[in-house]
């Protein structure tokens, strides 16, 4: 019998937020690969430059 912790969903799985952020981050990486600057991406996605850098340069 699974314990209560095994049946709990992770953050954002129920609301769809997890998928939304994953897709947004893939879009950011794709646009950066296509030549968009970090500054332009920060303005387009309303995120800080540091947040964009973390997304673009992450290994995942």
PDB file of N, CA and C in Angstrom:
ATOM      1  N   UNK A   1       0.851  -1.189   0.000  1.00  0.00           N
ATOM      2  CA  UNK A   1       0.000   0.000   0.000  1.00  0.00           C
ATOM      3  C   UNK A   1       0.891   1.245   0.000  1.00  0.00           C
ATOM      4  N   UNK A   2       0.653   2.165  -0.926  1.00  0.00           N
ATOM      5  CA  UNK A   2       1.495   3.363  -0.971  1.00  0.00           C
ATOM      6  C   UNK A   2       1.239   4.272   0.221  1.00  0.00           C
ATOM      7  N   UNK A   3       2.303   4.909   0.673  1.00  0.00           N
ATOM      8  CA  UNK A   3       2.143   5.843   1.780  1.00  0.00           C
ATOM      9  C   UNK A   3       1.530   7.142   1.263  1.00  0.00           C
ATOM     10  N   UNK A   4       1.135   8.022   2.179  1.00  0.00           N
ATOM     11  CA  UNK A   4       0.541   9.298   1.786  1.00  0.00           C
ATOM     12  C   UNK A   4       1.507  10.121   0.942  1.00  0.00           C
ATOM     13  N   UNK A   5       2.784  10.059   1.254  1.00  0.00           N
ATOM     14  CA  UNK A   5       3.760  10.858   0.529  1.00  0.00           C
ATOM     15  C   UNK A   5       3.930  10.375  -0.911  1.00  0.00           C
ATOM     16  N   UNK A   6       3.723   9.070  -1.162  1.00  0.00           N
ATOM     17  CA  UNK A   6       3.846   8.535  -2.511  1.00  0.00           C
ATOM     18  C   UNK A   6       2.721   9.026  -3.415  1.00  0.00           C
ATOM     19  N   UNK A   7       1.566   9.308  -2.853  1.00  0.00           N
ATOM     20  CA  UNK A   7       0.407   9.702  -3.650  1.00  0.00           C
ATOM     21  C   UNK A   7       0.298  11.219  -3.825  1.00  0.00           C
ATOM     22  N   UNK A   8       1.106  11.973  -3.121  1.00  0.00           N
ATOM     23  CA  UNK A   8       1.047  13.438  -3.239  1.00  0.00           C
ATOM     24  C   UNK A   8       1.632  13.883  -4.565  1.00  0.00           C
ATOM     25  N   UNK A   9       1.017  14.882  -5.132  1.00  0.00           N
ATOM     26  CA  UNK A   9       1.536  15.446  -6.376  1.00  0.00           C
ATOM     27  C   UNK A   9       2.573  16.509  -6.050  1.00  0.00           C
ATOM     28  N   UNK A  10       3.473  16.727  -7.000  1.00  0.00           N
ATOM     29  CA  UNK A  10       4.490  17.746  -6.825  1.00  0.00           C
ATOM     30  C   UNK A  10       3.889  19.116  -7.080  1.00  0.00           C
ATOM     31  N   UNK A  11       4.626  20.147  -6.688  1.00  0.00           N
ATOM     32  CA  UNK A  11       4.178  21.522  -6.844  1.00  0.00           C
ATOM     33  C   UNK A  11       3.828  21.782  -8.300  1.00  0.00           C
ATOM     34  N   UNK A  12       2.655  22.349  -8.529  1.00  0.00           N
ATOM     35  CA  UNK A  12       2.248  22.795  -9.850  1.00  0.00           C
ATOM     36  C   UNK A  12       1.668  21.736 -10.761  1.00  0.00           C
ATOM     37  N   UNK A  13       1.657  20.479 -10.344  1.00  0.00           N
ATOM     38  CA  UNK A  13       1.142  19.432 -11.217  1.00  0.00           C
ATOM     39  C   UNK A  13      -0.375  19.518 -11.394  1.00  0.00           C
ATOM     40  N   UNK A  14      -1.087  19.832 -10.361  1.00  0.00           N
ATOM     41  CA  UNK A  14      -2.546  19.897 -10.433  1.00  0.00           C
ATOM     42  C   UNK A  14      -3.009  21.106 -11.229  1.00  0.00           C
ATOM     43  N   UNK A  15      -2.398  22.246 -11.003  1.00  0.00           N
ATOM     44  CA  UNK A  15      -2.843  23.485 -11.644  1.00  0.00           C
ATOM     45  C   UNK A  15      -2.293  23.661 -13.058  1.00  0.00           C
ATOM     46  N   UNK A  16      -1.265  22.908 -13.411  1.00  0.00           N
ATOM     47  CA  UNK A  16      -0.648  23.052 -14.724  1.00  0.00           C
ATOM     48  C   UNK A  16       0.490  24.052 -14.754  1.00  0.00           C
ATOM     49  N   UNK A  17       0.792  24.642 -13.613  1.00  0.00           N
ATOM     50  CA  UNK A  17       1.859  25.637 -13.554  1.00  0.00           C
ATOM     51  C   UNK A  17       3.212  25.035 -13.914  1.00  0.00           C
ATOM     52  N   UNK A  18       3.458  23.825 -13.470  1.00  0.00           N
ATOM     53  CA  UNK A  18       4.736  23.158 -13.752  1.00  0.00           C
ATOM     54  C   UNK A  18       4.949  23.035 -15.264  1.00  0.00           C
ATOM     55  N   UNK A  19       3.918  22.604 -15.988  1.00  0.00           N
ATOM     56  CA  UNK A  19       4.021  22.475 -17.447  1.00  0.00           C
ATOM     57  C   UNK A  19       4.190  23.833 -18.111  1.00  0.00           C
ATOM     58  N   UNK A  20       3.456  24.828 -17.632  1.00  0.00           N
ATOM     59  CA  UNK A  20       3.545  26.172 -18.199  1.00  0.00           C
ATOM     60  C   UNK A  20       4.977  26.702 -18.102  1.00  0.00           C
ATOM     61  N   UNK A  21       5.590  26.565 -16.939  1.00  0.00           N
ATOM     62  CA  UNK A  21       6.951  27.082 -16.728  1.00  0.00           C
ATOM     63  C   UNK A  21       7.958  26.280 -17.556  1.00  0.00           C
ATOM     64  N   UNK A  22       7.759  24.977 -17.659  1.00  0.00           N
ATOM     65  CA  UNK A  22       8.658  24.150 -18.461  1.00  0.00           C
ATOM     66  C   UNK A  22       8.616  24.589 -19.928  1.00  0.00           C
ATOM     67  N   UNK A  23       7.408  24.804 -20.454  1.00  0.00           N
ATOM     68  CA  UNK A  23       7.264  25.237 -21.845  1.00  0.00           C
ATOM     69  C   UNK A  23       7.826  26.644 -22.045  1.00  0.00           C
ATOM     70  N   UNK A  24       7.584  27.531 -21.089  1.00  0.00           N
ATOM     71  CA  UNK A  24       8.114  28.898 -21.176  1.00  0.00           C
ATOM     72  C   UNK A  24       9.640  28.868 -21.219  1.00  0.00           C
ATOM     73  N   UNK A  25      10.240  28.049 -20.352  1.00  0.00           N
ATOM     74  CA  UNK A  25      11.699  27.966 -20.299  1.00  0.00           C
ATOM     75  C   UNK A  25      12.275  27.389 -21.590  1.00  0.00           C
ATOM     76  N   UNK A  26      11.583  26.403 -22.178  1.00  0.00           N
ATOM     77  CA  UNK A  26      12.033  25.854 -23.459  1.00  0.00           C
ATOM     78  C   UNK A  26      11.976  26.932 -24.540  1.00  0.00           C
ATOM     79  N   UNK A  27      10.930  27.745 -24.508  1.00  0.00           N
ATOM     80  CA  UNK A  27      10.782  28.839 -25.465  1.00  0.00           C
ATOM     81  C   UNK A  27      11.909  29.856 -25.296  1.00  0.00           C
ATOM     82  N   UNK A  28      12.242  30.175 -24.059  1.00  0.00           N
ATOM     83  CA  UNK A  28      13.323  31.120 -23.776  1.00  0.00           C
ATOM     84  C   UNK A  28      14.647  30.579 -24.309  1.00  0.00           C
ATOM     85  N   UNK A  29      14.937  29.302 -24.044  1.00  0.00           N
ATOM     86  CA  UNK A  29      16.186  28.698 -24.523  1.00  0.00           C
ATOM     87  C   UNK A  29      16.249  28.699 -26.047  1.00  0.00           C
ATOM     88  N   UNK A  30      15.130  28.373 -26.674  1.00  0.00           N
ATOM     89  CA  UNK A  30      15.066  28.330 -28.132  1.00  0.00           C
ATOM     90  C   UNK A  30      15.313  29.715 -28.741  1.00  0.00           C
ATOM     91  N   UNK A  31      14.685  30.716 -28.188  1.00  0.00           N
ATOM     92  CA  UNK A  31      14.855  32.075 -28.704  1.00  0.00           C
ATOM     93  C   UNK A  31      16.287  32.574 -28.490  1.00  0.00           C
ATOM     94  N   UNK A  32      16.894  32.199 -27.366  1.00  0.00           N
ATOM     95  CA  UNK A  32      18.276  32.597 -27.109  1.00  0.00           C
ATOM     96  C   UNK A  32      19.212  31.929 -28.112  1.00  0.00           C
ATOM     97  N   UNK A  33      18.948  30.646 -28.388  1.00  0.00           N
ATOM     98  CA  UNK A  33      19.748  29.938 -29.390  1.00  0.00           C
ATOM     99  C   UNK A  33      19.594  30.586 -30.763  1.00  0.00           C
ATOM    100  N   UNK A  34      18.422  31.138 -31.018  1.00  0.00           N
ATOM    101  CA  UNK A  34      18.151  31.794 -32.288  1.00  0.00           C
ATOM    102  C   UNK A  34      18.717  33.193 -32.405  1.00  0.00           C
ATOM    103  N   UNK A  35      19.349  33.679 -31.341  1.00  0.00           N
ATOM    104  CA  UNK A  35      20.036  34.953 -31.427  1.00  0.00           C
ATOM    105  C   UNK A  35      19.485  36.080 -30.563  1.00  0.00           C
ATOM    106  N   UNK A  36      18.389  35.831 -29.859  1.00  0.00           N
ATOM    107  CA  UNK A  36      17.842  36.879 -28.982  1.00  0.00           C
ATOM    108  C   UNK A  36      18.799  37.102 -27.810  1.00  0.00           C
ATOM    109  N   UNK A  37      18.925  38.351 -27.405  1.00  0.00           N
ATOM    110  CA  UNK A  37      19.791  38.668 -26.270  1.00  0.00           C
ATOM    111  C   UNK A  37      19.072  38.390 -24.950  1.00  0.00           C
ATOM    112  N   UNK A  38      19.860  38.260 -23.906  1.00  0.00           N
ATOM    113  CA  UNK A  38      19.306  38.044 -22.563  1.00  0.00           C
ATOM    114  C   UNK A  38      18.430  39.232 -22.171  1.00  0.00           C
ATOM    115  N   UNK A  39      18.869  40.420 -22.495  1.00  0.00           N
ATOM    116  CA  UNK A  39      18.091  41.620 -22.168  1.00  0.00           C
ATOM    117  C   UNK A  39      16.731  41.612 -22.873  1.00  0.00           C
ATOM    118  N   UNK A  40      16.718  41.288 -24.163  1.00  0.00           N
ATOM    119  CA  UNK A  40      15.451  41.231 -24.902  1.00  0.00           C
ATOM    120  C   UNK A  40      14.516  40.183 -24.309  1.00  0.00           C
ATOM    121  N   UNK A  41      15.063  39.031 -23.960  1.00  0.00           N
ATOM    122  CA  UNK A  41      14.246  37.960 -23.376  1.00  0.00           C
ATOM    123  C   UNK A  41      13.689  38.378 -22.022  1.00  0.00           C
ATOM    124  N   UNK A  42      14.491  39.059 -21.236  1.00  0.00           N
ATOM    125  CA  UNK A  42      14.032  39.530 -19.921  1.00  0.00           C
ATOM    126  C   UNK A  42      12.850  40.476 -20.086  1.00  0.00           C
ATOM    127  N   UNK A  43      12.933  41.352 -21.066  1.00  0.00           N
ATOM    128  CA  UNK A  43      11.835  42.289 -21.309  1.00  0.00           C
ATOM    129  C   UNK A  43      10.600  41.583 -21.855  1.00  0.00           C
ATOM    130  N   UNK A  44      10.804  40.642 -22.753  1.00  0.00           N
ATOM    131  CA  UNK A  44       9.672  39.935 -23.378  1.00  0.00           C
ATOM    132  C   UNK A  44       8.910  39.082 -22.368  1.00  0.00           C
ATOM    133  N   UNK A  45       9.640  38.405 -21.475  1.00  0.00           N
ATOM    134  CA  UNK A  45       9.004  37.474 -20.550  1.00  0.00           C
ATOM    135  C   UNK A  45       8.801  38.064 -19.149  1.00  0.00           C
ATOM    136  N   UNK A  46       9.124  39.346 -18.993  1.00  0.00           N
ATOM    137  CA  UNK A  46       8.943  40.035 -17.707  1.00  0.00           C
ATOM    138  C   UNK A  46       9.677  39.322 -16.570  1.00  0.00           C
ATOM    139  N   UNK A  47      10.920  38.935 -16.853  1.00  0.00           N
ATOM    140  CA  UNK A  47      11.774  38.291 -15.860  1.00  0.00           C
ATOM    141  C   UNK A  47      13.051  39.109 -15.726  1.00  0.00           C
ATOM    142  N   UNK A  48      13.755  38.899 -14.613  1.00  0.00           N
ATOM    143  CA  UNK A  48      15.026  39.602 -14.428  1.00  0.00           C
ATOM    144  C   UNK A  48      16.088  38.999 -15.345  1.00  0.00           C
ATOM    145  N   UNK A  49      17.119  39.762 -15.589  1.00  0.00           N
ATOM    146  CA  UNK A  49      18.233  39.281 -16.407  1.00  0.00           C
ATOM    147  C   UNK A  49      18.851  38.045 -15.761  1.00  0.00           C
ATOM    148  N   UNK A  50      18.995  38.057 -14.436  1.00  0.00           N
ATOM    149  CA  UNK A  50      19.560  36.902 -13.736  1.00  0.00           C
ATOM    150  C   UNK A  50      18.691  35.659 -13.911  1.00  0.00           C
ATOM    151  N   UNK A  51      17.375  35.830 -13.886  1.00  0.00           N
ATOM    152  CA  UNK A  51      16.473  34.688 -14.079  1.00  0.00           C
ATOM    153  C   UNK A  51      16.628  34.110 -15.483  1.00  0.00           C
ATOM    154  N   UNK A  52      16.722  34.977 -16.468  1.00  0.00           N
ATOM    155  CA  UNK A  52      16.909  34.509 -17.850  1.00  0.00           C
ATOM    156  C   UNK A  52      18.236  33.761 -17.970  1.00  0.00           C
ATOM    157  N   UNK A  53      19.290  34.301 -17.372  1.00  0.00           N
ATOM    158  CA  UNK A  53      20.598  33.637 -17.425  1.00  0.00           C
ATOM    159  C   UNK A  53      20.530  32.250 -16.804  1.00  0.00           C
ATOM    160  N   UNK A  54      19.826  32.112 -15.674  1.00  0.00           N
ATOM    161  CA  UNK A  54      19.703  30.805 -15.027  1.00  0.00           C
ATOM    162  C   UNK A  54      19.009  29.812 -15.936  1.00  0.00           C
ATOM    163  N   UNK A  55      17.987  30.276 -16.635  1.00  0.00           N
ATOM    164  CA  UNK A  55      17.236  29.401 -17.543  1.00  0.00           C
ATOM    165  C   UNK A  55      18.100  29.024 -18.754  1.00  0.00           C
ATOM    166  N   UNK A  56      18.728  30.009 -19.363  1.00  0.00           N
ATOM    167  CA  UNK A  56      19.489  29.803 -20.598  1.00  0.00           C
ATOM    168  C   UNK A  56      20.718  28.927 -20.358  1.00  0.00           C
ATOM    169  N   UNK A  57      21.393  29.140 -19.259  1.00  0.00           N
ATOM    170  CA  UNK A  57      22.656  28.443 -19.013  1.00  0.00           C
ATOM    171  C   UNK A  57      22.526  27.205 -18.155  1.00  0.00           C
ATOM    172  N   UNK A  58      21.296  26.796 -17.800  1.00  0.00           N
ATOM    173  CA  UNK A  58      21.127  25.578 -17.005  1.00  0.00           C
ATOM    174  C   UNK A  58      21.382  24.358 -17.883  1.00  0.00           C
ATOM    175  N   UNK A  59      21.792  23.272 -17.271  1.00  0.00           N
ATOM    176  CA  UNK A  59      22.129  22.044 -17.996  1.00  0.00           C
ATOM    177  C   UNK A  59      20.876  21.265 -18.385  1.00  0.00           C
ATOM    178  N   UNK A  60      19.766  21.512 -17.705  1.00  0.00           N
ATOM    179  CA  UNK A  60      18.543  20.720 -17.941  1.00  0.00           C
ATOM    180  C   UNK A  60      17.922  21.033 -19.266  1.00  0.00           C
TER     181      UNK A  60
END
